[in-house]
Amino acid sequence: MRCIIARFPFDLSKNGVLAAMRGVKPEPITGDSVIIGRRSYPAKQVGEVITSQDRRDFTSGEVIRAMTRLGFTCRSLSESAPAHGLTPLQAASEMLGNSASTPR
């Protein structure tokens, strides 16, 4: 499949991505991620490995779009880890500076 990443065309295939990422140790995830095999990789790391470009040359969104089109599962940081595990009432109360657990 032909993809444009950082204004350059790449012919990518699912098998090609799997082969390129084989043996690559995942870095800590701080943003968008791509699940390849049984591992989750930061989108920027995947983009750097498959394109051989510097991470500053492309966005994680470009990589996410390409990997989604190839059939990989992609996640954003907000989907993969809940913020504090608070209920909506507790989160709203915390934003207002009140404690939801304290009766009035």
C-alpha atoms as a PDB file:
ATOM      1  CA  MET A   1       0.000   0.000   0.000  1.00  0.00           C
ATOM      2  CA  ARG A   2       1.309   3.432  -0.877  1.00  0.00           C
ATOM      3  CA  CYS A   3       1.491   5.898   2.039  1.00  0.00           C
ATOM      4  CA  ILE A   4       2.760   9.443   2.323  1.00  0.00           C
ATOM      5  CA  ILE A   5       4.792  10.111   5.460  1.00  0.00           C
ATOM      6  CA  ALA A   6       6.669  13.405   5.831  1.00  0.00           C
ATOM      7  CA  ARG A   7       5.848  14.268   2.200  1.00  0.00           C
ATOM      8  CA  PHE A   8       7.618  11.136   0.929  1.00  0.00           C
ATOM      9  CA  PRO A   9       5.826   8.153  -0.645  1.00  0.00           C
ATOM     10  CA  PHE A  10       6.396   4.707   0.847  1.00  0.00           C
ATOM     11  CA  ASP A  11       5.153   1.333  -0.372  1.00  0.00           C
ATOM     12  CA  LEU A  12       4.335  -0.473   2.872  1.00  0.00           C
ATOM     13  CA  SER A  13       2.906  -3.909   3.542  1.00  0.00           C
ATOM     14  CA  LYS A  14       1.820  -5.537   6.771  1.00  0.00           C
ATOM     15  CA  ASN A  15       4.458  -8.257   6.379  1.00  0.00           C
ATOM     16  CA  GLY A  16       7.115  -5.643   5.649  1.00  0.00           C
ATOM     17  CA  VAL A  17       6.273  -3.741   8.835  1.00  0.00           C
ATOM     18  CA  LEU A  18       6.291  -6.975  10.862  1.00  0.00           C
ATOM     19  CA  ALA A  19       9.707  -7.874   9.435  1.00  0.00           C
ATOM     20  CA  ALA A  20      11.121  -4.387  10.075  1.00  0.00           C
ATOM     21  CA  MET A  21       9.914  -4.348  13.693  1.00  0.00           C
ATOM     22  CA  ARG A  22      11.116  -7.897  14.468  1.00  0.00           C
ATOM     23  CA  GLY A  23      13.751  -7.700  17.185  1.00  0.00           C
ATOM     24  CA  VAL A  24      13.123  -4.016  17.937  1.00  0.00           C
ATOM     25  CA  LYS A  25      12.683  -3.355  21.654  1.00  0.00           C
ATOM     26  CA  PRO A  26       9.704  -1.057  22.398  1.00  0.00           C
ATOM     27  CA  GLU A  27      10.473   2.290  24.003  1.00  0.00           C
ATOM     28  CA  PRO A  28       8.263   3.676  26.790  1.00  0.00           C
ATOM     29  CA  ILE A  29       4.936   4.895  25.412  1.00  0.00           C
ATOM     30  CA  THR A  30       4.209   8.569  26.015  1.00  0.00           C
ATOM     31  CA  GLY A  31       1.645   9.227  23.288  1.00  0.00           C
ATOM     32  CA  ASP A  32       0.090   7.374  20.368  1.00  0.00           C
ATOM     33  CA  SER A  33       1.024   3.712  20.036  1.00  0.00           C
ATOM     34  CA  VAL A  34       0.811   0.876  17.519  1.00  0.00           C
ATOM     35  CA  ILE A  35       0.337  -2.759  18.494  1.00  0.00           C
ATOM     36  CA  ILE A  36       2.573  -4.956  16.347  1.00  0.00           C
ATOM     37  CA  GLY A  37       2.464  -8.622  17.232  1.00  0.00           C
ATOM     38  CA  ARG A  38       2.141  -8.759  21.004  1.00  0.00           C
ATOM     39  CA  ARG A  39       4.035  -5.530  21.672  1.00  0.00           C
ATOM     40  CA  SER A  40       2.999  -1.894  21.811  1.00  0.00           C
ATOM     41  CA  TYR A  41       5.378   0.572  20.208  1.00  0.00           C
ATOM     42  CA  PRO A  42       5.305   4.383  20.216  1.00  0.00           C
ATOM     43  CA  ALA A  43       4.047   5.569  16.823  1.00  0.00           C
ATOM     44  CA  LYS A  44       7.137   7.722  16.301  1.00  0.00           C
ATOM     45  CA  GLN A  45       9.428   4.715  16.896  1.00  0.00           C
ATOM     46  CA  VAL A  46       7.511   2.667  14.320  1.00  0.00           C
ATOM     47  CA  GLY A  47       7.687   5.525  11.822  1.00  0.00           C
ATOM     48  CA  GLU A  48      11.417   5.934  12.313  1.00  0.00           C
ATOM     49  CA  VAL A  49      12.095   2.210  11.817  1.00  0.00           C
ATOM     50  CA  ILE A  50       9.903   1.722   8.736  1.00  0.00           C
ATOM     51  CA  THR A  51      10.864   4.963   6.956  1.00  0.00           C
ATOM     52  CA  SER A  52      14.476   5.454   8.139  1.00  0.00           C
ATOM     53  CA  GLN A  53      13.620   9.122   8.696  1.00  0.00           C
ATOM     54  CA  ASP A  54      14.219  11.289  11.727  1.00  0.00           C
ATOM     55  CA  ARG A  55      11.246  11.392  14.119  1.00  0.00           C
ATOM     56  CA  ARG A  56      11.078  15.168  13.842  1.00  0.00           C
ATOM     57  CA  ASP A  57      10.246  14.872  10.126  1.00  0.00           C
ATOM     58  CA  PHE A  58       6.770  13.348  10.567  1.00  0.00           C
ATOM     59  CA  THR A  59       3.833  13.327  12.971  1.00  0.00           C
ATOM     60  CA  SER A  60       2.519  10.363  14.911  1.00  0.00           C
ATOM     61  CA  GLY A  61      -0.808  10.957  13.144  1.00  0.00           C
ATOM     62  CA  GLU A  62       0.761  10.155   9.772  1.00  0.00           C
ATOM     63  CA  VAL A  63       2.104   6.869  11.147  1.00  0.00           C
ATOM     64  CA  ILE A  64      -1.199   6.028  12.868  1.00  0.00           C
ATOM     65  CA  ARG A  65      -3.128   6.574   9.620  1.00  0.00           C
ATOM     66  CA  ALA A  66      -0.746   4.355   7.661  1.00  0.00           C
ATOM     67  CA  MET A  67      -0.687   1.581  10.278  1.00  0.00           C
ATOM     68  CA  THR A  68      -4.493   1.629  10.620  1.00  0.00           C
ATOM     69  CA  ARG A  69      -4.844   1.253   6.841  1.00  0.00           C
ATOM     70  CA  LEU A  70      -2.484  -1.737   7.006  1.00  0.00           C
ATOM     71  CA  GLY A  71      -4.667  -3.354   9.681  1.00  0.00           C
ATOM     72  CA  PHE A  72      -2.668  -2.720  12.840  1.00  0.00           C
ATOM     73  CA  THR A  73      -4.382  -1.674  16.080  1.00  0.00           C
ATOM     74  CA  CYS A  74      -3.485   1.857  17.114  1.00  0.00           C
ATOM     75  CA  ARG A  75      -4.193   3.643  20.394  1.00  0.00           C
ATOM     76  CA  SER A  76      -3.827   7.112  21.787  1.00  0.00           C
ATOM     77  CA  LEU A  77      -2.463   7.688  25.280  1.00  0.00           C
ATOM     78  CA  SER A  78      -5.895   8.662  26.607  1.00  0.00           C
ATOM     79  CA  GLU A  79      -7.380   5.326  25.465  1.00  0.00           C
ATOM     80  CA  SER A  80      -4.628   3.130  26.874  1.00  0.00           C
ATOM     81  CA  ALA A  81      -4.305   4.524  30.414  1.00  0.00           C
ATOM     82  CA  PRO A  82      -6.964   6.139  32.602  1.00  0.00           C
ATOM     83  CA  ALA A  83      -5.837   9.385  34.210  1.00  0.00           C
ATOM     84  CA  HIS A  84      -6.399   8.731  37.934  1.00  0.00           C
ATOM     85  CA  GLY A  85      -9.138   6.126  38.021  1.00  0.00           C
ATOM     86  CA  LEU A  86     -11.591   8.708  39.348  1.00  0.00           C
ATOM     87  CA  THR A  87     -15.310   8.610  38.779  1.00  0.00           C
ATOM     88  CA  PRO A  88     -16.719  11.502  36.722  1.00  0.00           C
ATOM     89  CA  LEU A  89     -18.148  13.039  39.919  1.00  0.00           C
ATOM     90  CA  GLN A  90     -14.773  12.835  41.683  1.00  0.00           C
ATOM     91  CA  ALA A  91     -12.935  14.268  38.673  1.00  0.00           C
ATOM     92  CA  ALA A  92     -15.360  17.208  38.389  1.00  0.00           C
ATOM     93  CA  SER A  93     -15.173  17.798  42.117  1.00  0.00           C
ATOM     94  CA  GLU A  94     -11.381  17.728  42.015  1.00  0.00           C
ATOM     95  CA  MET A  95     -11.366  20.330  39.218  1.00  0.00           C
ATOM     96  CA  LEU A  96     -13.542  22.593  41.387  1.00  0.00           C
ATOM     97  CA  GLY A  97     -11.267  22.102  44.372  1.00  0.00           C
ATOM     98  CA  ASN A  98     -13.829  20.214  46.438  1.00  0.00           C
ATOM     99  CA  SER A  99     -13.786  16.659  47.758  1.00  0.00           C
ATOM    100  CA  ALA A 100     -16.627  14.468  46.475  1.00  0.00           C
ATOM    101  CA  SER A 101     -16.231  12.072  49.386  1.00  0.00           C
ATOM    102  CA  THR A 102     -16.805  14.689  52.105  1.00  0.00           C
ATOM    103  CA  PRO A 103     -20.503  15.059  53.007  1.00  0.00           C
ATOM    104  CA  ARG A 104     -21.833  18.577  53.588  1.00  0.00           C
END
